[in-house]
Amino acid sequence: MKAEPQAAAEASSGLAVDQTRALSPAASLFHSLSDPARLAILRHLAAGEHRVVDLTAHLGLAQSTVSAHLACLRDCGLVTSRPQGRASMFSLTTEPHLMELLGAAERLLAETGDAVDLCPTYGSAAGRRPGGH
């Protein structure tokens, strides 16, 4: 009789693993959006194509930093580039869907106030606190 509860627990555990595996791409997407500089880059690209030098000037970041963030966003399929002379022009790959997602995030933030920013694990002060992740 003990085999039935154990089998049910194993089946339930297998479902949890499958659900976690199925959510992995969504978690990767949100991780790609988790850096303020990457979000700022996406906002600038929502207005149209930009070169790295343009984004560097707009954001006040080092060229290497902007290039690294653009590489991350490109690897995640969120931006694309095309050559123009010696430079590359960067643009959003799925602008309507990305803007919809970012708009939903802004609405959620408006509903929750500062709760996310005050989160001891992921909030803005988390890295400065002992034990912050």
N, C-alpha and C. Protein backbone atom coordinates (compact mmCIF):
# COMPACT_ATOMS: atom_id res chain seq x y z
N MET A 1 0.80 -1.20 0.00
CA MET A 1 0.00 0.00 0.00
C MET A 1 0.85 1.27 0.00
N LYS A 2 2.08 1.18 0.50
CA LYS A 2 2.94 2.35 0.54
C LYS A 2 3.39 2.77 -0.85
N ALA A 3 3.35 1.87 -1.81
CA ALA A 3 3.81 2.17 -3.17
C ALA A 3 2.94 3.21 -3.84
N GLU A 4 1.64 3.21 -3.57
CA GLU A 4 0.74 4.16 -4.21
C GLU A 4 1.05 5.61 -3.83
N PRO A 5 1.18 5.96 -2.55
CA PRO A 5 1.54 7.34 -2.22
C PRO A 5 2.91 7.72 -2.77
N GLN A 6 3.87 6.78 -2.74
CA GLN A 6 5.20 7.08 -3.25
C GLN A 6 5.13 7.32 -4.76
N ALA A 7 4.37 6.52 -5.47
CA ALA A 7 4.22 6.69 -6.92
C ALA A 7 3.55 8.02 -7.23
N ALA A 8 2.56 8.39 -6.43
CA ALA A 8 1.88 9.68 -6.63
C ALA A 8 2.85 10.83 -6.38
N ALA A 9 3.67 10.71 -5.34
CA ALA A 9 4.65 11.75 -5.03
C ALA A 9 5.67 11.87 -6.15
N GLU A 10 6.13 10.74 -6.68
CA GLU A 10 7.09 10.77 -7.78
C GLU A 10 6.47 11.38 -9.03
N ALA A 11 5.22 11.05 -9.32
CA ALA A 11 4.54 11.62 -10.47
C ALA A 11 4.37 13.12 -10.30
N SER A 12 4.00 13.53 -9.09
CA SER A 12 3.85 14.96 -8.81
C SER A 12 5.18 15.68 -8.95
N SER A 13 6.24 15.06 -8.46
CA SER A 13 7.58 15.64 -8.58
C SER A 13 7.98 15.77 -10.04
N GLY A 14 7.64 14.77 -10.84
CA GLY A 14 7.94 14.82 -12.27
C GLY A 14 7.20 15.95 -12.96
N LEU A 15 5.94 16.17 -12.56
CA LEU A 15 5.17 17.29 -13.13
C LEU A 15 5.80 18.62 -12.75
N ALA A 16 6.26 18.75 -11.51
CA ALA A 16 6.89 19.99 -11.07
C ALA A 16 8.16 20.25 -11.86
N VAL A 17 8.95 19.22 -12.11
CA VAL A 17 10.17 19.37 -12.91
C VAL A 17 9.80 19.80 -14.32
N ASP A 18 8.78 19.18 -14.91
CA ASP A 18 8.34 19.54 -16.26
C ASP A 18 7.85 20.99 -16.31
N GLN A 19 7.10 21.41 -15.29
CA GLN A 19 6.61 22.79 -15.25
C GLN A 19 7.77 23.76 -15.12
N THR A 20 8.73 23.44 -14.27
CA THR A 20 9.90 24.30 -14.11
C THR A 20 10.68 24.38 -15.41
N ARG A 21 10.85 23.26 -16.08
CA ARG A 21 11.55 23.24 -17.36
C ARG A 21 10.79 24.07 -18.39
N ALA A 22 9.49 23.98 -18.40
CA ALA A 22 8.68 24.73 -19.35
C ALA A 22 8.74 26.23 -19.10
N LEU A 23 8.95 26.63 -17.85
CA LEU A 23 9.03 28.05 -17.51
C LEU A 23 10.43 28.63 -17.68
N SER A 24 11.40 27.79 -17.94
CA SER A 24 12.79 28.24 -18.07
C SER A 24 12.98 29.33 -19.13
N PRO A 25 12.39 29.21 -20.33
CA PRO A 25 12.55 30.29 -21.31
C PRO A 25 11.98 31.63 -20.82
N ALA A 26 10.85 31.60 -20.12
CA ALA A 26 10.28 32.83 -19.58
C ALA A 26 11.21 33.44 -18.54
N ALA A 27 11.78 32.59 -17.68
CA ALA A 27 12.72 33.09 -16.68
C ALA A 27 13.94 33.70 -17.36
N SER A 28 14.41 33.08 -18.43
CA SER A 28 15.55 33.64 -19.18
C SER A 28 15.19 34.99 -19.79
N LEU A 29 13.98 35.10 -20.32
CA LEU A 29 13.54 36.38 -20.87
C LEU A 29 13.55 37.46 -19.80
N PHE A 30 12.96 37.18 -18.65
CA PHE A 30 12.92 38.18 -17.59
C PHE A 30 14.32 38.50 -17.08
N HIS A 31 15.20 37.51 -17.06
CA HIS A 31 16.58 37.77 -16.65
C HIS A 31 17.25 38.72 -17.64
N SER A 32 16.97 38.55 -18.94
CA SER A 32 17.57 39.43 -19.94
C SER A 32 17.08 40.87 -19.78
N LEU A 33 15.92 41.04 -19.17
CA LEU A 33 15.35 42.37 -18.95
C LEU A 33 15.67 42.92 -17.56
N SER A 34 16.48 42.19 -16.79
CA SER A 34 16.66 42.55 -15.38
C SER A 34 17.71 43.62 -15.13
N ASP A 35 18.36 44.11 -16.15
CA ASP A 35 19.38 45.14 -15.96
C ASP A 35 18.84 46.50 -16.40
N PRO A 36 18.96 47.52 -15.55
CA PRO A 36 18.45 48.85 -15.92
C PRO A 36 19.05 49.39 -17.23
N ALA A 37 20.32 49.12 -17.48
CA ALA A 37 20.94 49.60 -18.71
C ALA A 37 20.31 48.92 -19.93
N ARG A 38 20.03 47.63 -19.83
CA ARG A 38 19.40 46.93 -20.96
C ARG A 38 17.99 47.47 -21.20
N LEU A 39 17.27 47.76 -20.12
CA LEU A 39 15.93 48.35 -20.30
C LEU A 39 16.03 49.73 -20.94
N ALA A 40 17.02 50.51 -20.55
CA ALA A 40 17.21 51.84 -21.15
C ALA A 40 17.54 51.71 -22.64
N ILE A 41 18.37 50.74 -22.98
CA ILE A 41 18.70 50.50 -24.39
C ILE A 41 17.44 50.15 -25.17
N LEU A 42 16.62 49.27 -24.62
CA LEU A 42 15.38 48.88 -25.31
C LEU A 42 14.46 50.08 -25.49
N ARG A 43 14.38 50.94 -24.49
CA ARG A 43 13.54 52.15 -24.63
C ARG A 43 14.03 53.04 -25.76
N HIS A 44 15.35 53.21 -25.85
CA HIS A 44 15.89 54.03 -26.93
C HIS A 44 15.64 53.39 -28.29
N LEU A 45 15.77 52.07 -28.35
CA LEU A 45 15.53 51.39 -29.62
C LEU A 45 14.06 51.39 -30.01
N ALA A 46 13.18 51.57 -29.05
CA ALA A 46 11.75 51.66 -29.37
C ALA A 46 11.46 52.89 -30.23
N ALA A 47 12.34 53.89 -30.14
CA ALA A 47 12.17 55.11 -30.94
C ALA A 47 12.76 54.96 -32.34
N GLY A 48 13.47 53.87 -32.57
CA GLY A 48 14.07 53.64 -33.89
C GLY A 48 15.47 53.09 -33.77
N GLU A 49 16.07 52.86 -34.92
CA GLU A 49 17.42 52.29 -34.96
C GLU A 49 18.44 53.25 -34.34
N HIS A 50 19.44 52.65 -33.71
CA HIS A 50 20.55 53.43 -33.14
C HIS A 50 21.86 52.69 -33.37
N ARG A 51 22.92 53.47 -33.46
CA ARG A 51 24.27 52.92 -33.47
C ARG A 51 24.75 52.84 -32.02
N VAL A 52 25.77 52.05 -31.78
CA VAL A 52 26.34 51.94 -30.44
C VAL A 52 26.77 53.31 -29.94
N VAL A 53 27.40 54.09 -30.81
CA VAL A 53 27.88 55.42 -30.40
C VAL A 53 26.71 56.32 -29.98
N ASP A 54 25.57 56.20 -30.64
CA ASP A 54 24.38 56.98 -30.26
C ASP A 54 23.89 56.56 -28.88
N LEU A 55 23.81 55.26 -28.65
CA LEU A 55 23.34 54.75 -27.36
C LEU A 55 24.31 55.13 -26.25
N THR A 56 25.60 55.08 -26.55
CA THR A 56 26.62 55.47 -25.57
C THR A 56 26.42 56.92 -25.15
N ALA A 57 26.18 57.79 -26.12
CA ALA A 57 25.96 59.21 -25.83
C ALA A 57 24.67 59.42 -25.04
N HIS A 58 23.60 58.74 -25.42
CA HIS A 58 22.31 58.89 -24.74
C HIS A 58 22.36 58.40 -23.29
N LEU A 59 23.05 57.29 -23.08
CA LEU A 59 23.00 56.63 -21.78
C LEU A 59 24.16 57.00 -20.86
N GLY A 60 25.21 57.59 -21.41
CA GLY A 60 26.36 57.94 -20.60
C GLY A 60 27.14 56.73 -20.12
N LEU A 61 27.09 55.65 -20.87
CA LEU A 61 27.80 54.42 -20.52
C LEU A 61 28.99 54.24 -21.45
N ALA A 62 29.95 53.44 -21.02
CA ALA A 62 31.10 53.13 -21.85
C ALA A 62 30.66 52.33 -23.08
N GLN A 63 31.37 52.50 -24.17
CA GLN A 63 31.05 51.79 -25.40
C GLN A 63 31.08 50.29 -25.18
N SER A 64 32.05 49.82 -24.41
CA SER A 64 32.16 48.37 -24.17
C SER A 64 30.96 47.85 -23.39
N THR A 65 30.44 48.66 -22.47
CA THR A 65 29.27 48.27 -21.68
C THR A 65 28.04 48.18 -22.57
N VAL A 66 27.84 49.19 -23.40
CA VAL A 66 26.69 49.19 -24.31
C VAL A 66 26.79 48.02 -25.28
N SER A 67 27.97 47.78 -25.80
CA SER A 67 28.16 46.65 -26.73
C SER A 67 27.86 45.32 -26.06
N ALA A 68 28.29 45.16 -24.82
CA ALA A 68 28.03 43.91 -24.10
C ALA A 68 26.53 43.72 -23.86
N HIS A 69 25.83 44.79 -23.49
CA HIS A 69 24.39 44.69 -23.29
C HIS A 69 23.67 44.40 -24.61
N LEU A 70 24.10 45.03 -25.69
CA LEU A 70 23.49 44.75 -27.00
C LEU A 70 23.74 43.30 -27.42
N ALA A 71 24.92 42.77 -27.13
CA ALA A 71 25.20 41.38 -27.45
C ALA A 71 24.26 40.45 -26.68
N CYS A 72 24.03 40.77 -25.41
CA CYS A 72 23.10 39.97 -24.60
C CYS A 72 21.70 40.02 -25.20
N LEU A 73 21.24 41.22 -25.51
CA LEU A 73 19.89 41.39 -26.07
C LEU A 73 19.77 40.73 -27.43
N ARG A 74 20.83 40.77 -28.21
CA ARG A 74 20.80 40.11 -29.53
C ARG A 74 20.78 38.59 -29.34
N ASP A 75 21.60 38.07 -28.41
CA ASP A 75 21.62 36.64 -28.15
C ASP A 75 20.27 36.13 -27.66
N CYS A 76 19.52 37.00 -26.97
CA CYS A 76 18.19 36.63 -26.48
C CYS A 76 17.10 36.84 -27.54
N GLY A 77 17.48 37.34 -28.70
CA GLY A 77 16.53 37.52 -29.79
C GLY A 77 15.68 38.77 -29.67
N LEU A 78 16.08 39.71 -28.80
CA LEU A 78 15.28 40.91 -28.59
C LEU A 78 15.69 42.07 -29.49
N VAL A 79 16.95 42.08 -29.94
CA VAL A 79 17.41 43.10 -30.87
C VAL A 79 18.11 42.43 -32.04
N THR A 80 18.21 43.16 -33.11
CA THR A 80 18.93 42.71 -34.29
C THR A 80 19.81 43.85 -34.76
N SER A 81 20.76 43.54 -35.60
CA SER A 81 21.62 44.60 -36.14
C SER A 81 21.80 44.39 -37.63
N ARG A 82 22.10 45.49 -38.28
CA ARG A 82 22.42 45.44 -39.71
C ARG A 82 23.59 46.38 -39.94
N PRO A 83 24.49 46.01 -40.84
CA PRO A 83 25.64 46.87 -41.10
C PRO A 83 25.22 48.13 -41.84
N GLN A 84 25.87 49.22 -41.47
CA GLN A 84 25.72 50.48 -42.21
C GLN A 84 27.10 51.13 -42.21
N GLY A 85 27.77 50.98 -43.34
CA GLY A 85 29.16 51.43 -43.41
C GLY A 85 30.00 50.61 -42.44
N ARG A 86 30.77 51.32 -41.61
CA ARG A 86 31.61 50.64 -40.62
C ARG A 86 30.87 50.41 -39.31
N ALA A 87 29.68 50.93 -39.20
CA ALA A 87 28.90 50.79 -37.96
C ALA A 87 27.81 49.75 -38.15
N SER A 88 27.15 49.43 -37.05
CA SER A 88 25.97 48.56 -37.07
C SER A 88 24.80 49.34 -36.52
N MET A 89 23.65 49.16 -37.16
CA MET A 89 22.42 49.79 -36.70
C MET A 89 21.62 48.73 -35.94
N PHE A 90 21.25 49.06 -34.70
CA PHE A 90 20.51 48.13 -33.85
C PHE A 90 19.05 48.53 -33.79
N SER A 91 18.17 47.52 -33.78
CA SER A 91 16.73 47.77 -33.68
C SER A 91 16.08 46.61 -32.93
N LEU A 92 14.85 46.84 -32.49
CA LEU A 92 14.09 45.80 -31.81
C LEU A 92 13.60 44.77 -32.81
N THR A 93 13.58 43.51 -32.41
CA THR A 93 13.12 42.46 -33.32
C THR A 93 11.61 42.28 -33.28
N THR A 94 11.04 42.40 -32.11
CA THR A 94 9.59 42.19 -31.95
C THR A 94 9.01 43.36 -31.17
N GLU A 95 9.12 44.53 -31.76
CA GLU A 95 8.74 45.75 -31.05
C GLU A 95 7.34 45.73 -30.45
N PRO A 96 6.29 45.35 -31.17
CA PRO A 96 4.96 45.43 -30.55
C PRO A 96 4.83 44.56 -29.31
N HIS A 97 5.35 43.34 -29.36
CA HIS A 97 5.23 42.43 -28.22
C HIS A 97 6.09 42.89 -27.05
N LEU A 98 7.29 43.35 -27.36
CA LEU A 98 8.18 43.82 -26.30
C LEU A 98 7.60 45.07 -25.63
N MET A 99 7.07 45.98 -26.42
CA MET A 99 6.49 47.19 -25.85
C MET A 99 5.24 46.85 -25.02
N GLU A 100 4.48 45.86 -25.46
CA GLU A 100 3.32 45.40 -24.69
C GLU A 100 3.76 44.84 -23.34
N LEU A 101 4.83 44.03 -23.35
CA LEU A 101 5.36 43.46 -22.11
C LEU A 101 5.87 44.54 -21.18
N LEU A 102 6.63 45.49 -21.70
CA LEU A 102 7.16 46.57 -20.87
C LEU A 102 6.04 47.47 -20.35
N GLY A 103 5.02 47.68 -21.16
CA GLY A 103 3.86 48.45 -20.72
C GLY A 103 3.12 47.75 -19.59
N ALA A 104 2.98 46.43 -19.73
CA ALA A 104 2.34 45.64 -18.66
C ALA A 104 3.16 45.72 -17.38
N ALA A 105 4.49 45.70 -17.52
CA ALA A 105 5.36 45.81 -16.34
C ALA A 105 5.18 47.16 -15.67
N GLU A 106 5.08 48.22 -16.47
CA GLU A 106 4.86 49.56 -15.90
C GLU A 106 3.52 49.65 -15.17
N ARG A 107 2.50 49.03 -15.74
CA ARG A 107 1.19 49.02 -15.08
C ARG A 107 1.24 48.24 -13.78
N LEU A 108 1.93 47.11 -13.78
CA LEU A 108 2.07 46.31 -12.57
C LEU A 108 2.85 47.08 -11.50
N LEU A 109 3.91 47.76 -11.91
CA LEU A 109 4.67 48.59 -10.96
C LEU A 109 3.81 49.70 -10.38
N ALA A 110 2.95 50.29 -11.21
CA ALA A 110 2.06 51.34 -10.72
C ALA A 110 1.09 50.77 -9.68
N GLU A 111 0.67 49.53 -9.87
CA GLU A 111 -0.26 48.89 -8.93
C GLU A 111 0.41 48.51 -7.61
N THR A 112 1.67 48.08 -7.70
CA THR A 112 2.35 47.58 -6.50
C THR A 112 3.19 48.64 -5.80
N GLY A 113 3.27 49.82 -6.39
CA GLY A 113 4.06 50.89 -5.76
C GLY A 113 5.53 50.52 -5.73
N ASP A 114 6.17 50.79 -4.61
CA ASP A 114 7.60 50.55 -4.47
C ASP A 114 7.92 49.16 -3.93
N ALA A 115 6.95 48.28 -3.85
CA ALA A 115 7.17 46.98 -3.21
C ALA A 115 8.33 46.22 -3.86
N VAL A 116 8.41 46.19 -5.18
CA VAL A 116 9.48 45.44 -5.84
C VAL A 116 10.83 46.07 -5.56
N ASP A 117 10.89 47.40 -5.61
CA ASP A 117 12.16 48.08 -5.37
C ASP A 117 12.61 47.94 -3.92
N LEU A 118 11.67 47.73 -3.02
CA LEU A 118 12.01 47.56 -1.60
C LEU A 118 12.28 46.11 -1.24
N CYS A 119 12.10 45.20 -2.18
CA CYS A 119 12.33 43.76 -1.93
C CYS A 119 13.76 43.54 -1.44
N PRO A 120 13.93 42.85 -0.31
CA PRO A 120 15.29 42.64 0.21
C PRO A 120 16.15 41.73 -0.67
N THR A 121 15.53 40.93 -1.51
CA THR A 121 16.29 40.03 -2.37
C THR A 121 16.64 40.67 -3.71
N TYR A 122 15.67 41.35 -4.36
CA TYR A 122 15.89 41.87 -5.70
C TYR A 122 15.79 43.38 -5.80
N GLY A 123 15.43 44.07 -4.75
CA GLY A 123 15.27 45.52 -4.78
C GLY A 123 16.58 46.25 -5.00
N SER A 124 16.48 47.55 -5.19
CA SER A 124 17.65 48.34 -5.53
C SER A 124 18.72 48.34 -4.46
N ALA A 125 18.36 48.14 -3.20
CA ALA A 125 19.35 48.13 -2.13
C ALA A 125 19.84 46.72 -1.80
N ALA A 126 19.36 45.70 -2.48
CA ALA A 126 19.69 44.32 -2.13
C ALA A 126 21.18 44.05 -2.22
N GLY A 127 21.84 44.59 -3.23
CA GLY A 127 23.28 44.35 -3.39
C GLY A 127 24.12 45.02 -2.33
N ARG A 128 23.57 46.03 -1.65
CA ARG A 128 24.33 46.74 -0.63
C ARG A 128 24.13 46.16 0.75
N ARG A 129 23.15 45.28 0.89
CA ARG A 129 22.86 44.68 2.20
C ARG A 129 23.64 43.40 2.38
N PRO A 130 24.07 43.11 3.59
CA PRO A 130 24.69 41.81 3.82
C PRO A 130 23.70 40.71 3.50
N GLY A 131 24.12 39.73 2.75
CA GLY A 131 23.24 38.62 2.40
C GLY A 131 22.37 38.88 1.20
N GLY A 132 22.46 40.10 0.59
CA GLY A 132 21.66 40.41 -0.59
C GLY A 132 22.15 39.60 -1.79
N HIS A 133 21.23 39.26 -2.70
CA HIS A 133 21.59 38.44 -3.89
C HIS A 133 21.72 39.32 -5.09
